Protein backbone atom coordinates (compact mmCIF):
# COMPACT_ATOMS: atom_id res chain seq x y z
CA MET A 1 115.52 -100.07 47.95
CA ARG A 2 115.40 -96.61 49.39
CA VAL A 3 112.28 -94.54 48.99
CA LYS A 4 113.97 -91.69 47.11
CA LYS A 5 115.50 -94.11 44.63
CA GLN A 6 112.17 -95.88 44.07
CA LYS A 7 110.45 -92.55 43.49
CA GLN A 8 113.15 -91.51 41.02
CA ASN A 9 112.86 -94.84 39.15
CA ARG A 10 109.07 -94.57 38.92
CA LYS A 11 109.38 -91.03 37.59
CA THR A 12 111.90 -92.10 34.96
CA VAL A 13 109.79 -95.07 33.82
CA ARG A 14 106.69 -92.87 33.66
CA PHE A 15 108.62 -90.42 31.47
CA TYR A 16 109.64 -93.17 29.05
CA LYS A 17 106.08 -94.52 28.96
CA ALA A 18 104.63 -91.11 28.18
CA CYS A 19 107.22 -89.80 25.74
CA PHE A 20 108.67 -92.85 24.02
CA ALA A 21 105.83 -95.42 24.15
CA PHE A 22 107.57 -97.95 26.39
CA ARG A 23 104.95 -100.50 27.48
CA GLU A 24 104.69 -103.44 29.82
CA PRO A 25 106.16 -106.01 29.72
CA TYR A 26 109.34 -103.93 29.60
CA LYS A 27 112.15 -105.32 27.47
CA VAL A 28 115.48 -105.33 29.31
CA LEU A 29 118.66 -106.14 27.41
CA CYS A 30 121.23 -107.48 29.88
CA ASP A 31 124.99 -107.51 29.75
CA GLY A 32 127.06 -110.39 31.12
CA THR A 33 128.56 -108.18 33.85
CA PHE A 34 125.09 -107.34 35.15
CA ILE A 35 123.99 -110.97 35.37
CA HIS A 36 127.28 -111.96 36.99
CA HIS A 37 126.87 -109.20 39.60
CA MET A 38 123.30 -110.34 40.32
CA LEU A 39 124.50 -113.92 40.91
CA GLU A 40 127.50 -112.90 43.02
CA SER A 41 125.43 -110.54 45.19
CA ARG A 42 122.59 -113.07 45.53
CA LEU A 43 119.95 -110.46 44.84
CA GLY A 44 117.42 -113.01 43.64
CA THR A 45 116.45 -113.80 40.10
CA VAL A 46 117.05 -111.26 37.40
CA ASN A 47 113.33 -111.08 36.53
CA GLU A 48 112.28 -110.33 40.11
CA ALA A 49 114.96 -107.72 40.68
CA LEU A 50 114.26 -105.86 37.44
CA SER A 51 110.49 -106.01 37.82
CA GLY A 52 110.83 -104.49 41.29
CA LEU A 53 113.13 -101.81 39.94
CA LEU A 54 110.96 -100.85 36.97
CA GLY A 55 107.63 -101.38 38.72
CA GLY A 56 106.09 -103.79 36.20
CA HIS A 57 106.49 -107.05 34.35
CA VAL A 58 109.75 -107.46 32.45
CA LYS A 59 111.15 -109.69 29.72
CA VAL A 60 114.88 -110.13 30.07
CA PHE A 61 116.91 -110.57 26.88
CA VAL A 62 120.52 -111.53 26.19
CA THR A 63 122.31 -111.69 22.84
CA ARG A 64 124.40 -114.60 21.64
CA CYS A 65 127.45 -112.32 21.54
CA VAL A 66 127.09 -111.74 25.30
CA ILE A 67 126.85 -115.49 25.94
CA GLU A 68 129.93 -116.21 23.82
CA GLU A 69 131.91 -113.49 25.57
CA LEU A 70 130.99 -115.00 28.95
CA LYS A 71 132.16 -118.41 27.73
CA LYS A 72 135.55 -116.94 26.81
CA LEU A 73 136.01 -115.55 30.34
CA GLY A 74 136.57 -119.04 31.74
CA GLU A 75 135.53 -121.30 34.61
CA SER A 76 134.72 -118.52 37.09
CA PHE A 77 131.84 -117.40 34.86
CA SER A 78 130.37 -120.87 34.20
CA GLY A 79 127.40 -120.23 36.55
CA THR A 80 126.72 -116.97 34.78
CA VAL A 81 126.75 -118.73 31.40
CA LEU A 82 124.16 -121.23 32.66
CA ALA A 83 121.97 -118.41 33.97
CA THR A 84 122.16 -116.48 30.69
CA ARG A 85 121.16 -119.54 28.68
CA ARG A 86 117.88 -119.66 30.61
CA LEU A 87 117.02 -116.14 29.45
CA THR A 88 115.43 -115.21 26.15
CA THR A 89 117.95 -114.66 23.38
CA ALA A 90 117.48 -111.56 21.26
CA ARG A 91 118.57 -111.82 17.66
CA CYS A 92 121.47 -109.61 16.77
CA ASN A 93 121.64 -108.79 13.08
CA HIS A 94 125.40 -108.96 12.55
CA GLU A 95 126.94 -112.04 10.95
CA SER A 96 130.15 -112.51 12.92
CA LEU A 97 130.46 -112.34 16.69
CA LYS A 98 131.21 -108.93 18.17
CA SER A 99 132.12 -107.83 21.67
CA ALA A 100 129.22 -107.48 24.07
CA THR A 101 129.41 -103.67 24.14
CA GLU A 102 129.37 -103.38 20.34
CA CYS A 103 126.50 -105.85 20.14
CA LEU A 104 124.40 -103.98 22.71
CA GLU A 105 125.08 -100.68 20.94
CA ALA A 106 123.99 -102.23 17.64
CA MET A 107 120.82 -103.66 19.22
CA VAL A 108 119.77 -100.36 20.74
CA GLY A 109 120.93 -98.31 17.78
CA ALA A 110 120.44 -94.58 17.47
CA ASP A 111 116.69 -94.44 18.14
CA ASN A 112 115.99 -97.72 20.03
CA PRO A 113 113.09 -99.00 17.87
CA GLU A 114 112.55 -102.09 20.07
CA HIS A 115 112.22 -99.98 23.26
CA PHE A 116 114.96 -101.77 25.21
CA PHE A 117 116.15 -100.83 28.67
CA VAL A 118 119.83 -101.77 29.02
CA ALA A 119 121.11 -103.34 32.25
CA THR A 120 124.90 -103.27 32.63
CA GLN A 121 127.64 -102.79 35.20
CA ASP A 122 130.10 -101.49 32.60
CA GLY A 123 130.79 -97.80 33.24
CA GLY A 124 132.11 -97.17 29.72
CA LEU A 125 128.95 -98.57 28.15
CA ARG A 126 126.79 -96.42 30.40
CA LYS A 127 128.71 -93.30 29.31
CA LYS A 128 128.23 -94.20 25.64
CA PHE A 129 124.48 -94.53 26.08
CA ARG A 130 124.29 -91.26 28.03
CA GLN A 131 126.14 -89.39 25.27
CA GLY A 132 123.63 -90.52 22.67
CA PRO A 133 120.20 -89.05 22.00
CA ASN A 134 118.94 -90.11 25.45
CA PRO A 135 116.85 -87.19 26.69
CA LEU A 136 117.38 -87.98 30.36
CA SER A 137 121.13 -87.64 30.14
CA CYS A 138 120.89 -84.05 28.87
CA LYS A 139 120.76 -81.54 31.67
CA LYS A 140 118.81 -78.43 30.91
CA LYS A 141 120.72 -75.22 31.34
CA LYS A 142 119.09 -72.55 33.39
CA ASN A 143 118.41 -69.42 31.40
CA LYS A 144 120.16 -66.45 32.91
CA VAL A 145 118.11 -63.32 33.05
CA VAL A 146 120.03 -60.40 31.61
CA TYR A 147 118.83 -56.99 32.65
CA PRO A 148 119.50 -53.98 30.47
CA GLN A 149 121.90 -51.30 31.64
CA THR A 150 120.12 -48.90 33.95
CA THR A 151 120.98 -45.87 36.01
CA SER A 152 121.34 -46.11 39.78
CA ASN A 153 117.90 -44.46 40.36
CA GLN A 154 116.17 -47.08 38.25
CA CYS A 155 118.03 -49.91 40.01
CA SER A 156 116.96 -48.76 43.45
CA LEU A 157 113.38 -48.40 42.20
CA GLN A 158 113.38 -51.96 40.81
CA GLU A 159 114.88 -53.36 44.02
CA SER A 160 112.34 -51.61 46.24
CA GLN A 161 109.46 -52.87 44.06
CA GLY A 162 110.87 -56.39 44.21
CA GLU A 163 111.12 -56.25 48.00
CA LYS A 164 107.52 -55.02 48.24
CA ALA A 165 106.32 -57.87 46.04
CA LEU A 166 108.21 -60.44 48.12
CA GLY A 167 106.81 -59.00 51.35
CA GLU A 168 103.27 -59.13 49.97
CA LYS A 169 103.66 -62.77 48.95
CA LYS A 170 104.95 -63.66 52.40
CA ARG A 171 102.02 -61.91 54.09
CA SER A 172 99.47 -63.67 51.86
CA ARG A 173 101.04 -67.07 52.70
CA GLN A 174 100.81 -66.28 56.41
CA ARG A 175 97.14 -65.32 56.04
CA LYS A 176 96.40 -68.62 54.28
CA ARG A 177 98.14 -70.58 57.04
CA ARG A 178 96.09 -68.82 59.72
CA HIS A 179 92.86 -69.70 57.97
CA ARG A 180 93.85 -73.36 57.66
CA LYS A 181 94.22 -73.73 61.42
CA VAL A 182 90.79 -74.74 62.53
CA ASP A 183 90.19 -76.13 66.01
CA GLN A 184 87.64 -78.79 66.81
CA SER A 185 84.75 -76.38 67.36
CA GLY A 186 85.08 -75.14 63.77
CA GLU A 187 86.27 -71.66 64.65
CA VAL A 188 89.27 -70.14 63.01
CA ALA A 189 92.24 -69.77 65.35
CA CYS A 190 94.12 -66.46 65.15
């Protein structure tokens, strides 16, 4: 995995640990498409891949609705069905079988009381989870600074003061850099 992506994943997991009390071992609720993709790509076991991604121990869960949906897809998904049966089955609270997306939405719910991470390849399901109360999907809007109406003399005065302040900051940074450069004898280089 690339370094930037690893750093971004660690930052995201740290955020969830700090703000929403996610703890190790992380609970990951998998979709059938995700497990099938893992097997087709030969990326290793699901546990190893997800623990490397999240940076800690994981418990991988699948619902019975996901397993039944994989069975209905036919012979090409028979290996995926066998792999999902080896995983821990999470209890879904609905009586009749639902589609995998509806089941995963019901398991996570509005506030995710079980602290599940959801692993899926389904783009529609990802969009649904991003539209919910997920704080990471909301992008903060930058506040625009609105200046009051001023005359041209006041504008030029504000601009010149701003330029002076920027020049002073630049000069102070240059002074700090000069003082950091120390040669081997311990004298400051100019």
